[in-house]
Protein backbone atom coordinates (compact mmCIF):
# COMPACT_ATOMS: atom_id res chain seq x y z
CA MET A 1 -11.97 -17.80 2.51
CA LYS A 2 -12.87 -20.11 5.42
CA ILE A 3 -16.83 -20.50 6.66
CA LYS A 4 -17.84 -20.83 10.09
CA SER A 5 -21.57 -20.96 11.07
CA MET A 6 -24.24 -20.75 13.85
CA GLU A 7 -27.45 -21.04 14.14
CA VAL A 8 -28.86 -18.57 16.42
CA GLY A 9 -32.26 -17.30 18.11
CA SER A 10 -36.04 -18.70 18.04
CA PHE A 11 -36.04 -18.12 14.04
CA ALA A 12 -32.62 -20.19 13.92
CA ALA A 13 -31.23 -17.55 11.72
CA ASN A 14 -27.70 -18.01 10.37
CA CYS A 15 -24.85 -15.93 11.77
CA TYR A 16 -21.57 -16.11 9.49
CA LEU A 17 -18.20 -15.84 10.53
CA VAL A 18 -16.08 -15.76 7.11
CA SER A 19 -12.12 -15.62 7.23
CA CYS A 20 -8.92 -14.92 4.82
CA GLU A 21 -7.22 -18.25 5.45
CA GLU A 22 -4.21 -16.57 5.01
CA THR A 23 -4.70 -13.58 7.93
CA GLY A 24 -7.71 -14.73 9.70
CA GLU A 25 -9.30 -11.19 8.98
CA SER A 26 -12.68 -11.70 9.16
CA ILE A 27 -16.39 -10.34 8.48
CA LEU A 28 -18.93 -11.32 11.06
CA ILE A 29 -22.41 -11.26 8.68
CA ASP A 30 -25.92 -11.04 10.52
CA PRO A 31 -25.36 -11.76 14.22
CA GLY A 32 -29.15 -12.08 15.51
CA ALA A 33 -28.71 -13.45 18.78
CA GLN A 34 -27.10 -15.32 21.53
CA ALA A 35 -24.00 -12.64 21.47
CA GLN A 36 -21.52 -14.71 24.22
CA GLN A 37 -21.59 -17.96 21.82
CA ILE A 38 -20.83 -15.77 18.80
CA LEU A 39 -18.15 -14.03 20.63
CA GLN A 40 -16.83 -17.06 21.46
CA MET A 41 -17.17 -18.22 17.85
CA VAL A 42 -14.87 -15.68 17.00
CA GLU A 43 -12.37 -16.11 19.81
CA ASP A 44 -12.16 -19.92 18.98
CA ALA A 45 -11.48 -19.26 15.41
CA GLU A 46 -8.61 -16.78 16.63
CA ALA A 47 -10.70 -14.63 14.15
CA LYS A 48 -9.44 -10.86 13.80
CA VAL A 49 -13.01 -9.24 13.01
CA LYS A 50 -12.87 -5.94 10.47
CA TYR A 51 -16.92 -5.54 9.92
CA ILE A 52 -19.92 -6.40 10.92
CA VAL A 53 -22.03 -6.59 7.82
CA HIS A 54 -25.87 -7.16 8.05
CA THR A 55 -27.99 -8.65 5.05
CA HIS A 56 -30.97 -6.38 5.86
CA GLY A 57 -32.15 -5.10 9.10
CA HIS A 58 -34.69 -7.38 10.59
CA VAL A 59 -34.40 -8.36 14.53
CA ASP A 60 -33.63 -11.76 13.66
CA HIS A 61 -30.47 -10.65 11.88
CA MET A 62 -29.47 -8.25 14.33
CA GLY A 63 -30.56 -8.63 17.68
CA ALA A 64 -26.99 -9.46 19.09
CA ALA A 65 -25.36 -6.18 16.90
CA ALA A 66 -25.13 -3.96 19.91
CA ASP A 67 -23.49 -6.26 22.21
CA ILE A 68 -20.85 -7.63 19.71
CA LYS A 69 -20.08 -4.12 18.32
CA LYS A 70 -19.63 -2.84 21.58
CA ALA A 71 -17.53 -6.15 22.31
CA LEU A 72 -15.57 -5.96 19.06
CA GLY A 73 -15.11 -2.24 18.54
CA VAL A 74 -15.78 -2.51 14.82
CA PRO A 75 -17.76 -1.18 12.47
CA LEU A 76 -21.14 -2.30 11.08
CA LEU A 77 -22.49 -1.81 7.99
CA ILE A 78 -25.67 -2.17 6.26
CA HIS A 79 -27.61 -0.79 3.40
CA ASP A 80 -28.91 2.51 4.17
CA ALA A 81 -32.32 1.85 3.07
CA ASP A 82 -32.62 -0.81 6.37
CA SER A 83 -30.54 1.52 8.88
CA GLU A 84 -33.85 2.55 10.48
CA LEU A 85 -34.68 -0.71 11.31
CA ILE A 86 -31.75 -1.41 13.65
CA LYS A 87 -31.87 1.97 14.91
CA ASN A 88 -35.43 1.31 15.93
CA PRO A 89 -35.58 -3.03 16.01
CA HIS A 90 -39.34 -2.75 15.65
CA ASP A 91 -40.63 -4.58 12.78
CA ASP A 92 -43.26 -6.96 12.87
CA LEU A 93 -40.97 -9.79 14.42
CA GLY A 94 -39.96 -7.75 17.37
CA ALA A 95 -43.00 -9.54 19.50
CA TYR A 96 -41.17 -12.60 19.39
CA PHE A 97 -37.78 -11.26 20.78
CA GLY A 98 -38.43 -9.12 23.43
CA GLU A 99 -36.17 -5.81 24.14
CA VAL A 100 -33.88 -5.76 22.00
CA LYS A 101 -30.91 -3.06 21.76
CA PRO A 102 -30.99 -0.45 19.12
CA VAL A 103 -27.56 -0.12 17.34
CA HIS A 104 -26.35 2.61 14.65
CA PRO A 105 -24.43 1.83 11.71
CA ASP A 106 -21.13 3.27 11.01
CA ARG A 107 -21.78 3.73 6.79
CA SER A 108 -24.08 2.56 4.16
CA LEU A 109 -23.22 -0.28 1.78
CA GLN A 110 -23.44 0.45 -1.77
CA ASP A 111 -24.41 -1.42 -4.70
CA ARG A 112 -21.30 -3.45 -6.30
CA GLU A 113 -18.67 -2.13 -3.46
CA LYS A 114 -16.22 -4.24 -2.62
CA ILE A 115 -15.59 -5.61 1.30
CA THR A 116 -12.35 -6.18 1.44
CA PHE A 117 -10.48 -8.60 4.83
CA GLY A 118 -7.18 -9.48 4.23
CA ASN A 119 -6.50 -11.17 0.99
CA ALA A 120 -10.53 -11.74 0.60
CA GLU A 121 -12.97 -10.13 -0.95
CA LEU A 122 -17.01 -10.12 -1.30
CA GLU A 123 -19.12 -7.84 -3.65
CA ILE A 124 -22.18 -6.53 -2.62
CA ILE A 125 -25.34 -7.00 -4.25
CA THR A 126 -28.44 -5.13 -3.83
CA THR A 127 -31.29 -7.36 -3.86
CA PRO A 128 -34.36 -5.56 -2.66
CA GLY A 129 -38.05 -7.52 -1.94
CA HIS A 130 -37.54 -8.96 1.48
CA SER A 131 -36.93 -5.73 2.78
CA LYS A 132 -36.14 -2.21 1.47
CA GLY A 133 -32.22 -2.59 2.20
CA SER A 134 -31.55 -6.30 1.43
CA VAL A 135 -28.13 -7.39 -0.13
CA CYS A 136 -26.26 -10.34 -0.34
CA LEU A 137 -22.45 -10.63 -0.75
CA TYR A 138 -20.67 -12.42 -3.58
CA GLY A 139 -17.38 -13.42 -4.04
CA GLU A 140 -15.28 -16.92 -5.03
CA THR A 141 -17.94 -18.42 -6.42
CA ILE A 142 -19.97 -17.93 -2.48
CA LEU A 143 -23.00 -16.12 -2.02
CA PHE A 144 -24.32 -15.19 1.29
CA SER A 145 -28.09 -14.75 0.43
CA GLY A 146 -29.22 -13.41 3.55
CA ASP A 147 -33.24 -13.57 3.41
CA THR A 148 -33.58 -13.58 -0.32
CA LEU A 149 -32.99 -16.78 -1.15
CA PHE A 150 -33.44 -19.85 0.15
CA SER A 151 -33.04 -23.63 -0.47
CA GLY A 152 -36.12 -24.40 -2.16
CA SER A 153 -37.73 -21.04 -1.15
CA ILE A 154 -37.50 -17.26 -1.06
CA GLY A 155 -37.41 -14.68 1.64
CA ARG A 156 -41.37 -13.61 2.99
CA THR A 157 -42.55 -10.65 1.79
CA ASP A 158 -45.41 -9.67 3.96
CA LEU A 159 -43.57 -7.62 5.74
CA PRO A 160 -43.29 -3.43 6.35
CA GLY A 161 -41.12 -2.80 2.70
CA GLY A 162 -41.30 -6.25 1.02
CA SER A 163 -42.24 -6.74 -2.30
CA PHE A 164 -42.98 -10.23 -4.30
CA ASP A 165 -42.37 -8.89 -7.26
CA GLU A 166 -38.94 -7.08 -6.41
CA ILE A 167 -37.60 -10.42 -4.96
CA ILE A 168 -38.43 -12.01 -7.72
CA ARG A 169 -36.79 -9.50 -10.05
CA SER A 170 -33.67 -9.41 -7.46
CA ILE A 171 -33.12 -13.08 -7.62
CA LYS A 172 -33.51 -13.69 -11.53
CA GLU A 173 -31.84 -10.95 -12.44
CA LYS A 174 -28.87 -10.45 -10.09
CA LEU A 175 -28.39 -14.06 -8.76
CA LEU A 176 -29.38 -16.50 -10.74
CA VAL A 177 -27.34 -15.02 -13.27
CA LEU A 178 -24.18 -16.12 -11.25
CA PRO A 179 -22.05 -19.21 -11.84
CA ASP A 180 -24.51 -22.79 -11.77
CA ASP A 181 -21.66 -24.02 -8.86
CA THR A 182 -21.93 -20.85 -6.65
CA ALA A 183 -22.68 -22.00 -2.89
CA VAL A 184 -25.16 -20.37 -1.42
CA TYR A 185 -25.34 -20.05 1.97
CA PRO A 186 -28.83 -18.72 3.05
CA GLY A 187 -30.08 -16.18 6.37
CA HIS A 188 -31.75 -19.48 7.34
CA GLY A 189 -31.77 -23.33 6.84
CA PRO A 190 -28.84 -25.57 4.92
CA ALA A 191 -27.04 -24.31 2.23
CA THR A 192 -27.40 -25.02 -1.38
CA THR A 193 -26.63 -23.95 -5.08
CA ILE A 194 -27.57 -21.50 -7.97
CA ALA A 195 -28.11 -24.34 -9.91
CA ARG A 196 -30.16 -26.55 -7.57
CA GLU A 197 -32.26 -23.54 -7.31
CA LYS A 198 -32.71 -22.91 -10.90
CA GLN A 199 -33.90 -26.73 -11.26
CA TYR A 200 -36.04 -27.06 -8.21
CA ASN A 201 -37.25 -23.59 -6.40
CA PRO A 202 -41.01 -23.44 -7.06
CA PHE A 203 -40.91 -19.75 -6.79
CA LEU A 204 -38.31 -19.40 -9.78
CA LYS A 205 -40.24 -21.37 -12.66
């Protein structure tokens, strides 16, 4: 897989363009803001986007979704438990973004389903805790962790639908069991590895 990323919006959310190296077919993960810049990234990469995939429904990860979906004409996927957040973007972060266009998902992500694009494949891992519908995507010892797991930290759990106990359970039971050399690409901040988070993340001791 080929990975390109861009920090977008006032919360510096990571938007990822993940492509099959052989075919150029791609998925776009969490287009949170700056639709034109994201579309330029897609064009520069000559990527053929098959899906827009959301790790969760908070506005800093979906603010550009409506414009991107309209421009690319591709299905948008999110877990059903967070679908109302993108249909009605009114969570506690909304005040920082002004008006955000609602968008309707095309289908719901299911635990352990495979998202295929070209010859590449990522598996959906449901990881509730940051939000009820949070998911991660895993394949080829690469994890896109959304706002579940960060370098040295975890996602906040004080927003509606958040649960500290759930996010810790999700991380320990579903993410830390992945191979130690798994590269972790989070929703904010720098990349890390499962091994590094096992050893140094203070929330996981």
